[in-house]
Amino acid sequence: MTSPKSGVVLQGVDEPSAFCGMVEEIDSLGFDHLWLTDSSLHARNCYSYLTLAAGRTSRLLLGTAVTNPATRHPAITAAAAATVDEISGGRFALGIGTGDRPLLALGRKPSTLASLEAAVDGIRRLWRGEQVDLASGDFEMVGAHLRFPARADIPVFISASGPKTLELAGRIADGVILLVGLFPEALKWAISHVARGAEAVGRPRPHVAVFAYGAVDEDEDAALHTARSIAAWFPQTAPHICDLAGLPHDVADRVRAGYQGGEFQEAAAAAGELPDEYVRKVALAGSRERAAGQIRAALEAGADSVHVFPLGNRRMNTVRAFAEAWSATVGQPASRETASRGGISDIEQEIS
């Protein structure tokens, strides 16, 4: 059995030199993965920042969390991913999904599952050096092919919170990014759907990566306040998770009515409607001890890795506190001084 992995998810909201300093510290704390969001106008270009990260680290697995077929043509994504993979020495993983509320600012809607599946197929075929003819509702490829060599087996992670997307990830992905909160009922429900998809095509269940949004702070009121914004995302985008968490329907309805922002950070007013206990179920919203319990719950539910997505204006404090909670739960992570290129090979083998 392979040991569980940890990671950090960042948005490109910091200027380049500050971002590079954060990356170096994340590396030194022993995390295994670093993901960058691809949120159209809300942050800096993820591939540019991943290139910066590749030059500041030698062992972190780097990835998008996540891109989509609506704002980037899959052939352009294939080329960008292969480029960062080459620059980083084979340390790239492509995170992709159907898209979310930031698409609204571009006059687009999330892609269908059929388009997402076609995008993954087309991207992989391009990496294999094939000439691709492919049509989908969101894009088309006509005799498309990469004119430079790419690694054919770059891992593809699909982000998912609904049952059909979870099962699609189980059928075709190297990994699945779970956006379902941090409480056992939702985690077990989601992982069961991933397993169902894998079983339907007779393949092993892919790597399960749980994303843990929020704040880790010994001042639990401050952490709870910071975590409320992501908690408001679920009534809008994944209402079935709210049902599993026991959120009253009238509260969920009020949150949906008040959530006018494109990104979850813009949902502060609506988030005020949410009960504290619900926020604690779906997000990191408390002390190191509480975070350690949530890490343990995710791993016991069947997750292969847990990744902190720090929110608020003390994000690196949350990253450091999460690293301490991880160490207390799983064991001391590898330091930068003891990590080697072989460690990355182990990670890639695990998710490929």
Foldseek 3Di string as FASTA:
>chain_A
DDAFFEAAEEEQADPQVVLLVLLLVLQQLFHAEYEYEDLPPPHPHRLVNLLSSLVSAQGHQYEYPAAECQPDPLVRVLVSQQVSCVSNVNRYAHEYEQDALSCVVVVDDGHDPVVRVQSVVVSLCQQVFHQDADDDPRDTGDRDHDPDHGHNCRFYEYEDQDLVSLLVCLQDGLEYEYQQAQAQQSLLVSQVSSCVSVVVNVHHRHAYEYEAEWFADQPLVVRLLQLLLSLLVCLQPPVVSVVSLVPDPVLSVQSNVQQDDRDSVSSNVSSVSDDSSSSLRGHPRYHLQSLLVSVVSNVVSPHRYYYYHYTDDPRVVRVSSNSVSCCVNRNRRDGSVPDDNVVNVVVSVRSD
